[in-house]
Amino acid sequence: MIRTRFAPSPTGSMHIGNLRTAFYAYALAKHNNGEFILRIEDTDKKREIEGGANDIKDLLTIFDIKWDEYYIQSERLDLYKKAAEKLVEDGHAFYCQCEAKNAKEDGFSKDLRDPCRDKNLTSGAVKLKVPENEWITFKDFVLQKKVSWNTSTIGDATLFKTDGFPTYHLAVVVDDNDLKISHVLRGHDWMPSTPIHILVYKYLGFDVPEIGHLTDIMDPDGGKLSKRKGSTSVRGLLTEGYLPEALLNFVILLGWAPKDNREMFTLEEFVKYFDPNGFQKGNPVFNREKLDWFNGEYIRKLSDTELYEKFQFSNSNFQTMEENKKLQITKLVKDRIKKISDLDALAKFFWEEPKEIDMNLFGKNYKEHLTKAQEAIEKSIPLDTVSKNNDFKVGDFFMDLRIAITGTKFTPPINESIEILGKEKSIKRIRKILE
C-alpha cells in the first residue's frame, strides 16, 4: 500500500510550498487507494508557535484534505531515544559534548569530522559517525534520476540533543519507518540531508522509502520564494480574499502538469488524474496575475447568494447595509472583482461618502455636467439622455458624474450605482461638489 505523509513543523504560518507538498502527498496516496498521514514535527520547542498544530489542521480542513492517521512527534520521544542509543551501541554514532558545533555542509573540510567521535564519551548529544570515502546513491522519483554523494562531503550530523529531543535527521527516519511510509515528498532544499538519512536508515536496518524532491517555487522578483513574505502565507492569502478552490488550482500547477494541460480541478479531480510523471523539473514562478485569474474564475462560479455570504463574513461595512442593497451590490461587482477583499475598493462609496475628492480628476465642463445630472436625477429622467440632449461627450459626462458620486474613476456602472445608493444621497454628493 502507498502511504504518504505531510509532516509540517508548527513554527510559523503555513507557506504556499508546504500546502503544495500536502496536495501532492495526498493525491499520490489517494490516487492509488493508499493512506495519507499527518505528522506534526514539533521537536524544535524553541521555535514552536502556540496553536501552530491546530492552525495546520484547520488549514488542511479548509482545503478538504482528510488524514487517515495523526501523530505528534513530541509524544514519541522514547522511540527516538532508543534509536539513538542503538546507533551508539552499534558504533554508528557517538556521544558529543560540543553539541553546538555543527559540521560544515559546503564541501570537503576536516571540520566535517567531529573531534568527539573518537573520545568514547558516555553522555552528551548523539551524533552520526559518518564513514570515510563511501558513495551514497538513491533514485529521486520526482527528478527521475540518480543522485550521489561521497561521504567525504558529509558532516557528523547531530541526531539526538541533550534536551531529550531528536533532530529532524533522526526523527524523520524513525517515524517514516515506524509509520510504514512508502513515498516521501519534500522540498528541494532538503536534498543535502538525504545522504544523512540514508545512512541512518542503513544503520538502523530499515528499508529506504521512495524519496522525491520537489522544485523550488521562485519569487517573480528573483530568488526562492521566502516563507517570511506575507504574500506566500496560506492564511494570509485566504485573508486577502483568495478562495480555497483557486489556491488549490494555482498551487498544484506550481511544479506539476497534467497530460492534457487542463487547469481547472476540484480536489477529487486532481486525485483522479494525478500522475507523478507530471512533476516538472524546472522551478515554477509564483505568478500573482495567474492566481488572480483563477480566483476570478471561481468567484464567477459562485451563486450571487454564495458570494453575498462571503462578503458578509469578510466585510463589516457591508454587513451594515440594507439586505436588498447588499444583494444588488453583490450582483454589480461580481464580474469585476479578482478577490473577496476587492469589495472595499470597488464598493466603499456605498457605505462611506468620499471625504476629499481631487478636483483635478474632473473635466473642464464638470459643473455643467453635474448640474444637468442633478436635475435629471431629481426628475427621474434617464441619465443616458442627458448627454444626448445637451450635446455632451458621453464619456466625459459620465466620468464627471462617477467621480462626484464615488470619489474615483474606477467603480461599477454608475447608473446602477446611483440606483442602489439612492436619489437623496446621490444628489447630496453632487451638490457638495457644486458648492
Protein backbone atom coordinates (compact mmCIF):
# COMPACT_ATOMS: atom_id res chain seq x y z
CA MET A 1 0.00 0.00 0.00
CA ILE A 2 1.18 3.52 -0.79
CA ARG A 3 1.40 5.53 2.41
CA THR A 4 2.45 9.17 2.26
CA ARG A 5 2.78 11.79 4.93
CA PHE A 6 2.64 15.54 5.36
CA ALA A 7 4.97 16.47 8.19
CA PRO A 8 4.96 20.23 8.90
CA SER A 9 6.56 21.97 11.85
CA PRO A 10 4.33 24.29 13.93
CA THR A 11 6.94 27.05 13.82
CA GLY A 12 5.17 29.63 11.68
CA SER A 13 2.34 30.31 9.28
CA MET A 14 1.97 27.59 6.65
CA HIS A 15 3.82 28.54 3.48
CA ILE A 16 2.41 28.03 -0.02
CA GLY A 17 5.18 25.47 -0.63
CA ASN A 18 4.04 23.43 2.38
CA LEU A 19 0.49 23.40 1.05
CA ARG A 20 1.76 22.18 -2.32
CA THR A 21 3.58 19.29 -0.64
CA ALA A 22 0.38 18.37 1.21
CA PHE A 23 -1.65 18.35 -2.02
CA TYR A 24 0.89 16.20 -3.86
CA ALA A 25 1.34 13.72 -1.00
CA TYR A 26 -2.43 13.44 -0.57
CA ALA A 27 -3.03 12.90 -4.29
CA LEU A 28 -0.23 10.34 -4.59
CA ALA A 29 -1.76 8.26 -1.81
CA LYS A 30 -5.42 8.60 -2.69
CA HIS A 31 -4.94 8.06 -6.43
CA ASN A 32 -3.58 4.64 -5.51
CA ASN A 33 -6.18 3.90 -2.81
CA GLY A 34 -3.48 4.46 -0.22
CA GLU A 35 -3.33 6.29 3.09
CA PHE A 36 -2.32 9.84 3.94
CA ILE A 37 -0.76 10.57 7.33
CA LEU A 38 -0.48 13.93 9.09
CA ARG A 39 2.53 14.16 11.39
CA ILE A 40 3.34 17.27 13.40
CA GLU A 41 7.11 17.64 13.75
CA ASP A 42 7.24 19.65 16.97
CA THR A 43 10.69 18.74 18.31
CA ASP A 44 12.07 22.28 17.88
CA LYS A 45 10.43 23.66 21.01
CA LYS A 46 12.29 26.98 20.91
CA ARG A 47 10.67 27.94 17.60
CA GLU A 48 7.25 26.39 18.14
CA ILE A 49 4.30 28.77 17.97
CA GLU A 50 1.38 28.31 20.34
CA GLY A 51 -1.61 26.93 18.47
CA GLY A 52 0.55 26.10 15.45
CA ALA A 53 -0.56 22.47 15.20
CA ASN A 54 -4.24 23.40 15.36
CA ASP A 55 -3.71 26.04 12.69
CA ILE A 56 -2.17 23.42 10.39
CA LYS A 57 -5.12 21.07 10.91
CA ASP A 58 -7.59 23.91 10.35
CA LEU A 59 -5.95 24.94 7.07
CA LEU A 60 -5.92 21.38 5.74
CA THR A 61 -9.61 21.08 6.65
CA ILE A 62 -10.39 24.27 4.72
CA PHE A 63 -8.96 22.56 1.63
CA ASP A 64 -10.86 19.34 2.44
CA ILE A 65 -7.66 17.33 2.92
CA LYS A 66 -8.54 14.48 5.27
CA TRP A 67 -5.84 12.46 7.00
CA ASP A 68 -6.14 8.78 7.85
CA GLU A 69 -3.78 8.91 10.83
CA TYR A 70 -2.40 11.68 13.02
CA TYR A 71 0.83 11.78 15.04
CA ILE A 72 2.74 14.31 17.13
CA GLN A 73 6.49 13.76 17.41
CA SER A 74 6.80 15.10 20.95
CA GLU A 75 4.57 12.21 22.06
CA ARG A 76 7.00 9.66 20.57
CA LEU A 77 10.29 10.63 22.27
CA ASP A 78 11.06 7.13 23.60
CA LEU A 79 11.24 5.80 20.03
CA TYR A 80 13.92 8.31 19.07
CA LYS A 81 15.92 7.81 22.24
CA LYS A 82 16.04 4.04 21.73
CA ALA A 83 17.12 4.50 18.11
CA ALA A 84 19.89 6.91 19.13
CA GLU A 85 21.15 4.52 21.81
CA LYS A 86 21.15 1.62 19.34
CA LEU A 87 23.23 3.64 16.86
CA VAL A 88 25.80 4.36 19.61
CA GLU A 89 25.86 0.71 20.75
CA ASP A 90 26.44 -0.48 17.18
CA GLY A 91 29.27 2.00 16.62
CA HIS A 92 27.43 4.13 14.07
CA ALA A 93 27.03 7.14 16.36
CA PHE A 94 28.86 8.71 19.31
CA TYR A 95 28.26 10.98 22.26
CA CYS A 96 29.44 14.56 21.90
CA GLN A 97 29.74 17.34 24.47
CA CYS A 98 30.27 20.18 21.99
CA GLU A 99 26.75 19.94 20.63
CA ALA A 100 26.62 23.48 19.29
CA LYS A 101 29.40 22.75 16.82
CA ASN A 102 27.78 21.57 13.61
CA ALA A 103 29.67 20.15 10.67
CA LYS A 104 30.07 22.31 7.60
CA GLU A 105 27.81 21.49 4.67
CA ASP A 106 29.53 23.39 1.90
CA GLY A 107 32.07 20.81 0.77
CA PHE A 108 35.07 18.89 1.99
CA SER A 109 36.66 20.08 5.23
CA LYS A 110 38.49 18.35 8.04
CA ASP A 111 35.93 20.03 10.34
CA LEU A 112 33.28 17.69 8.95
CA ARG A 113 34.57 15.10 11.42
CA ASP A 114 33.59 15.97 14.95
CA PRO A 115 36.51 15.93 17.46
CA CYS A 116 34.40 13.94 19.94
CA ARG A 117 33.90 10.95 17.67
CA ASP A 118 36.99 9.13 18.99
CA LYS A 119 36.79 10.18 22.66
CA ASN A 120 34.47 7.34 23.74
CA LEU A 121 32.28 9.68 25.79
CA THR A 122 29.33 8.15 27.64
CA SER A 123 26.98 11.13 27.67
CA GLY A 124 26.02 14.20 25.69
CA ALA A 125 24.36 14.74 22.35
CA VAL A 126 24.33 11.84 19.91
CA LYS A 127 25.98 12.41 16.52
CA LEU A 128 26.19 10.26 13.43
CA LYS A 129 29.59 8.69 12.75
CA VAL A 130 29.82 9.20 9.00
CA PRO A 131 32.12 6.68 7.26
CA GLU A 132 35.06 7.79 5.16
CA ASN A 133 35.09 7.81 1.37
CA GLU A 134 31.90 5.85 0.67
CA TRP A 135 29.38 6.63 -2.05
CA ILE A 136 25.70 7.07 -1.24
CA THR A 137 23.24 6.90 -4.15
CA PHE A 138 19.48 7.00 -4.45
CA LYS A 139 16.92 7.36 -7.26
CA ASP A 140 14.80 10.50 -6.88
CA PHE A 141 11.31 9.58 -8.06
CA VAL A 142 10.35 13.21 -8.75
CA LEU A 143 13.52 14.19 -10.60
CA GLN A 144 13.64 10.69 -12.16
CA LYS A 145 17.40 10.46 -11.86
CA LYS A 146 20.08 9.05 -9.58
CA VAL A 147 21.79 11.40 -7.13
CA SER A 148 25.10 10.54 -5.46
CA TRP A 149 27.34 11.89 -2.69
CA ASN A 150 30.74 10.91 -1.37
CA THR A 151 30.76 10.73 2.42
CA SER A 152 33.88 12.92 2.49
CA THR A 153 31.48 15.85 1.94
CA ILE A 154 29.01 14.85 4.67
CA GLY A 155 29.34 16.02 8.25
CA ASP A 156 28.76 14.19 11.52
CA ALA A 157 25.18 15.37 11.96
CA THR A 158 23.53 15.70 15.37
CA LEU A 159 20.78 13.11 15.83
CA PHE A 160 19.66 13.46 19.44
CA LYS A 161 20.04 16.55 21.63
CA THR A 162 20.80 16.85 25.32
CA ASP A 163 17.32 18.28 25.93
CA GLY A 164 15.85 14.84 25.16
CA PHE A 165 14.54 15.76 21.73
CA PRO A 166 15.68 14.29 18.41
CA THR A 167 16.78 16.39 15.49
CA TYR A 168 14.98 16.20 12.17
CA HIS A 169 17.61 13.80 10.82
CA LEU A 170 16.78 11.06 13.33
CA ALA A 171 13.07 11.65 13.92
CA VAL A 172 12.12 11.66 10.24
CA VAL A 173 13.83 8.29 9.64
CA VAL A 174 12.41 6.61 12.74
CA ASP A 175 8.89 7.91 12.06
CA ASP A 176 8.83 7.11 8.35
CA ASN A 177 9.89 3.53 9.11
CA ASP A 178 7.55 3.10 12.08
CA LEU A 179 4.59 4.50 10.14
CA LYS A 180 5.41 2.41 7.06
CA ILE A 181 5.71 5.45 4.78
CA SER A 182 6.31 4.23 1.23
CA HIS A 183 6.85 7.57 -0.54
CA VAL A 184 8.44 10.73 0.86
CA LEU A 185 7.80 14.06 -0.86
CA ARG A 186 9.68 17.12 0.34
CA GLY A 187 11.17 20.40 -0.81
CA HIS A 188 14.35 20.56 -2.84
CA ASP A 189 16.10 22.42 0.00
CA TRP A 190 16.13 19.15 1.97
CA MET A 191 18.24 17.38 -0.65
CA PRO A 192 21.56 17.89 1.27
CA SER A 193 20.13 15.98 4.24
CA THR A 194 19.17 12.94 2.17
CA PRO A 195 22.53 11.12 2.40
CA ILE A 196 22.46 11.54 6.19
CA HIS A 197 19.02 9.96 6.30
CA ILE A 198 20.03 7.11 4.01
CA LEU A 199 22.92 6.29 6.35
CA VAL A 200 20.58 6.29 9.35
CA TYR A 201 18.13 4.01 7.51
CA LYS A 202 21.01 1.66 6.73
CA TYR A 203 22.47 1.62 10.24
CA LEU A 204 19.08 1.00 11.86
CA GLY A 205 18.33 -1.82 9.43
CA PHE A 206 15.36 -0.02 7.85
CA ASP A 207 14.21 -0.13 4.22
CA VAL A 208 14.61 3.22 2.48
CA PRO A 209 11.29 4.58 1.11
CA GLU A 210 10.94 6.19 -2.29
CA ILE A 211 12.14 9.78 -1.91
CA GLY A 212 11.31 12.71 -4.20
CA HIS A 213 12.37 16.35 -4.02
CA LEU A 214 10.01 18.98 -5.37
CA THR A 215 11.11 22.05 -7.30
CA ASP A 216 11.61 25.40 -5.60
CA ILE A 217 8.87 28.00 -6.08
CA MET A 218 10.54 31.18 -7.28
CA ASP A 219 9.74 34.79 -6.46
CA PRO A 220 8.85 36.93 -9.51
CA ASP A 221 11.48 39.42 -8.31
CA GLY A 222 14.14 36.72 -8.31
CA GLY A 223 15.34 34.07 -5.89
CA LYS A 224 13.44 31.43 -3.99
CA LEU A 225 10.05 32.38 -2.61
CA SER A 226 10.56 33.31 1.03
CA LYS A 227 8.48 31.97 3.90
CA ARG A 228 8.89 35.34 5.56
CA LYS A 229 6.90 37.12 2.86
CA GLY A 230 3.31 37.58 3.98
CA SER A 231 2.10 37.12 0.41
CA THR A 232 3.18 33.47 0.47
CA SER A 233 1.40 32.56 3.72
CA VAL A 234 -1.62 30.34 3.09
CA ARG A 235 -3.55 32.02 5.88
CA GLY A 236 -2.55 35.43 4.55
CA LEU A 237 -3.75 34.61 1.03
CA LEU A 238 -7.09 33.35 2.37
CA THR A 239 -7.44 36.55 4.39
CA GLU A 240 -6.69 38.60 1.28
CA GLY A 241 -9.76 37.08 -0.30
CA TYR A 242 -8.47 34.16 -2.34
CA LEU A 243 -10.85 31.19 -2.45
CA PRO A 244 -9.59 27.73 -1.42
CA GLU A 245 -10.63 26.36 -4.82
CA ALA A 246 -8.48 28.95 -6.62
CA LEU A 247 -5.49 28.33 -4.36
CA LEU A 248 -5.81 24.58 -4.97
CA ASN A 249 -5.61 25.00 -8.73
CA PHE A 250 -2.86 27.59 -8.60
CA VAL A 251 -0.71 25.62 -6.18
CA ILE A 252 -0.96 22.18 -7.79
CA LEU A 253 0.22 23.64 -11.11
CA LEU A 254 3.34 25.12 -9.49
CA GLY A 255 5.54 22.16 -10.39
CA TRP A 256 3.10 19.63 -11.85
CA ALA A 257 1.28 19.49 -15.17
CA PRO A 258 -1.49 17.15 -16.37
CA LYS A 259 -1.12 15.39 -19.72
CA ASP A 260 -3.87 17.47 -21.37
CA ASN A 261 -2.77 20.87 -19.95
CA ARG A 262 -6.04 21.17 -18.09
CA GLU A 263 -6.15 23.94 -15.48
CA MET A 264 -9.39 23.68 -13.52
CA PHE A 265 -9.62 20.86 -10.96
CA THR A 266 -11.62 20.01 -7.90
CA LEU A 267 -9.61 18.14 -5.28
CA GLU A 268 -11.37 14.92 -6.29
CA GLU A 269 -10.49 15.50 -9.94
CA PHE A 270 -6.87 16.24 -9.08
CA VAL A 271 -6.65 12.95 -7.19
CA LYS A 272 -8.27 11.10 -10.11
CA TYR A 273 -5.91 12.49 -12.77
CA PHE A 274 -2.77 12.69 -10.65
CA ASP A 275 0.31 11.17 -12.26
CA PRO A 276 3.78 11.53 -10.66
CA ASN A 277 5.23 11.59 -14.17
CA GLY A 278 3.70 15.05 -14.43
CA PHE A 279 6.17 16.52 -11.95
CA GLN A 280 8.15 19.25 -13.68
CA LYS A 281 11.90 19.70 -13.43
CA GLY A 282 12.05 23.49 -13.86
CA ASN A 283 11.39 25.84 -10.95
CA PRO A 284 7.94 27.50 -11.22
CA VAL A 285 7.36 31.20 -10.58
CA PHE A 286 4.73 32.50 -8.16
CA ASN A 287 2.63 34.42 -10.68
CA ARG A 288 0.15 36.62 -8.84
CA GLU A 289 -1.69 37.51 -12.05
CA LYS A 290 -2.38 33.82 -12.67
CA LEU A 291 -3.64 33.41 -9.12
CA ASP A 292 -5.94 36.42 -9.62
CA TRP A 293 -7.26 34.83 -12.82
CA PHE A 294 -8.02 31.55 -11.07
CA ASN A 295 -9.73 33.40 -8.23
CA GLY A 296 -11.85 35.47 -10.60
CA GLU A 297 -12.94 32.32 -12.42
CA TYR A 298 -14.06 30.68 -9.17
CA ILE A 299 -15.80 33.82 -7.93
CA ARG A 300 -17.84 33.82 -11.15
CA LYS A 301 -18.81 30.20 -10.46
CA LEU A 302 -20.38 31.18 -7.13
CA SER A 303 -24.06 31.95 -6.96
CA ASP A 304 -24.97 35.52 -6.02
CA THR A 305 -26.08 34.26 -2.61
CA GLU A 306 -22.80 32.40 -2.02
CA LEU A 307 -20.76 35.47 -2.90
CA TYR A 308 -23.04 37.63 -0.75
CA GLU A 309 -22.33 35.33 2.21
CA LYS A 310 -18.58 35.63 1.69
CA PHE A 311 -18.87 39.42 1.63
CA GLN A 312 -20.96 39.23 4.81
CA PHE A 313 -18.25 37.21 6.53
CA SER A 314 -15.30 39.31 5.45
CA ASN A 315 -16.53 42.92 5.39
CA SER A 316 -18.04 44.57 8.46
CA ASN A 317 -19.14 47.65 6.48
CA PHE A 318 -21.04 45.50 4.01
CA GLN A 319 -22.90 43.94 6.95
CA THR A 320 -24.41 47.33 7.86
CA MET A 321 -26.16 47.76 4.51
CA GLU A 322 -29.84 47.02 3.94
CA GLU A 323 -30.44 43.41 2.87
CA ASN A 324 -31.83 44.17 -0.59
CA LYS A 325 -28.96 46.57 -1.31
CA LYS A 326 -26.36 44.01 -0.26
CA LEU A 327 -27.58 41.58 -2.88
CA GLN A 328 -27.72 44.34 -5.50
CA ILE A 329 -24.12 45.32 -4.72
CA THR A 330 -23.04 41.68 -4.93
CA LYS A 331 -24.52 41.32 -8.42
CA LEU A 332 -22.98 44.61 -9.51
CA VAL A 333 -19.38 43.77 -8.55
CA LYS A 334 -19.36 40.02 -9.21
CA ASP A 335 -17.86 40.27 -12.70
CA ARG A 336 -15.33 42.91 -11.67
CA ILE A 337 -13.55 41.57 -8.59
CA LYS A 338 -10.47 39.36 -8.51
CA LYS A 339 -10.68 38.54 -4.81
CA ILE A 340 -13.19 38.91 -2.00
CA SER A 341 -11.22 41.74 -0.40
CA ASP A 342 -11.67 43.85 -3.56
CA LEU A 343 -15.18 44.68 -2.37
CA ASP A 344 -13.95 47.59 -0.26
CA ALA A 345 -12.03 49.20 -3.12
CA LEU A 346 -14.93 48.82 -5.58
CA ALA A 347 -17.94 49.43 -3.37
CA LYS A 348 -16.74 51.52 -0.43
CA PHE A 349 -18.67 54.56 -1.68
CA PHE A 350 -21.98 52.78 -0.95
CA TRP A 351 -21.41 52.92 2.81
CA GLU A 352 -18.89 55.73 3.12
CA GLU A 353 -19.19 59.14 1.49
CA PRO A 354 -15.94 60.23 -0.21
CA LYS A 355 -14.18 62.66 2.14
CA GLU A 356 -11.83 64.58 -0.08
CA ILE A 357 -12.10 64.36 -3.84
CA ASP A 358 -9.21 65.52 -6.02
CA MET A 359 -10.77 68.27 -8.13
CA ASN A 360 -8.11 67.72 -10.78
CA LEU A 361 -9.89 64.48 -11.66
CA PHE A 362 -12.83 66.41 -13.13
CA GLY A 363 -13.01 67.64 -16.70
CA LYS A 364 -13.27 71.34 -17.61
CA ASN A 365 -17.05 71.15 -18.07
CA TYR A 366 -17.77 69.27 -14.86
CA LYS A 367 -20.08 71.94 -13.34
CA GLU A 368 -22.37 71.91 -16.37
CA HIS A 369 -22.30 68.11 -16.44
CA LEU A 370 -23.15 67.78 -12.75
CA THR A 371 -25.87 70.46 -12.83
CA LYS A 372 -27.72 68.67 -15.61
CA ALA A 373 -27.15 65.29 -13.93
CA GLN A 374 -28.64 66.60 -10.69
CA GLU A 375 -31.73 67.88 -12.50
CA ALA A 376 -32.17 64.54 -14.26
CA ILE A 377 -31.88 62.54 -11.01
CA GLU A 378 -34.34 64.85 -9.23
CA LYS A 379 -36.89 64.40 -12.06
CA SER A 380 -36.12 60.69 -12.54
CA ILE A 381 -35.00 61.32 -16.12
CA PRO A 382 -32.71 58.58 -17.55
CA LEU A 383 -29.12 59.78 -17.37
CA ASP A 384 -28.35 58.29 -20.77
CA THR A 385 -30.48 61.02 -22.37
CA VAL A 386 -28.70 63.92 -20.62
CA SER A 387 -25.52 63.84 -22.69
CA LYS A 388 -27.51 63.49 -25.92
CA ASN A 389 -29.95 66.32 -25.13
CA ASN A 390 -27.15 68.69 -24.08
CA ASP A 391 -24.60 67.68 -26.71
CA PHE A 392 -22.15 66.45 -24.03
CA LYS A 393 -19.41 63.95 -24.77
CA VAL A 394 -20.81 60.76 -23.23
CA GLY A 395 -17.51 59.61 -21.70
CA ASP A 396 -16.72 63.00 -20.15
CA PHE A 397 -20.24 63.42 -18.74
CA PHE A 398 -20.36 60.03 -17.04
CA MET A 399 -16.78 60.29 -15.77
CA ASP A 400 -17.52 63.58 -14.00
CA LEU A 401 -20.69 62.09 -12.53
CA ARG A 402 -18.82 58.94 -11.45
CA ILE A 403 -16.14 60.96 -9.66
CA ALA A 404 -18.71 63.15 -7.88
CA ILE A 405 -20.72 60.16 -6.65
CA THR A 406 -17.91 57.72 -5.82
CA GLY A 407 -14.73 59.79 -5.47
CA THR A 408 -12.84 57.67 -8.01
CA LYS A 409 -12.64 56.88 -11.72
CA PHE A 410 -12.85 53.13 -11.25
CA THR A 411 -16.18 51.78 -10.00
CA PRO A 412 -19.09 49.58 -11.08
CA PRO A 413 -21.54 51.06 -13.67
CA ILE A 414 -22.66 54.46 -12.45
CA ASN A 415 -26.34 54.17 -13.40
CA GLU A 416 -26.79 51.04 -11.31
CA SER A 417 -24.64 52.51 -8.55
CA ILE A 418 -26.87 55.58 -8.28
CA GLU A 419 -29.94 53.36 -8.18
CA ILE A 420 -28.51 51.39 -5.24
CA LEU A 421 -27.16 54.47 -3.45
CA GLY A 422 -30.49 56.22 -3.78
CA LYS A 423 -31.66 59.57 -5.15
CA GLU A 424 -31.19 61.54 -1.94
CA LYS A 425 -27.56 60.53 -1.28
CA SER A 426 -26.61 60.89 -4.93
CA ILE A 427 -27.96 64.44 -5.16
CA LYS A 428 -26.29 65.37 -1.87
CA ARG A 429 -22.89 64.28 -3.19
CA ILE A 430 -23.35 66.18 -6.47
CA ARG A 431 -24.35 69.37 -4.60
CA LYS A 432 -21.27 69.09 -2.39
CA ILE A 433 -19.04 69.29 -5.47
CA LEU A 434 -21.03 72.16 -7.00
CA GLU A 435 -20.95 74.29 -3.85
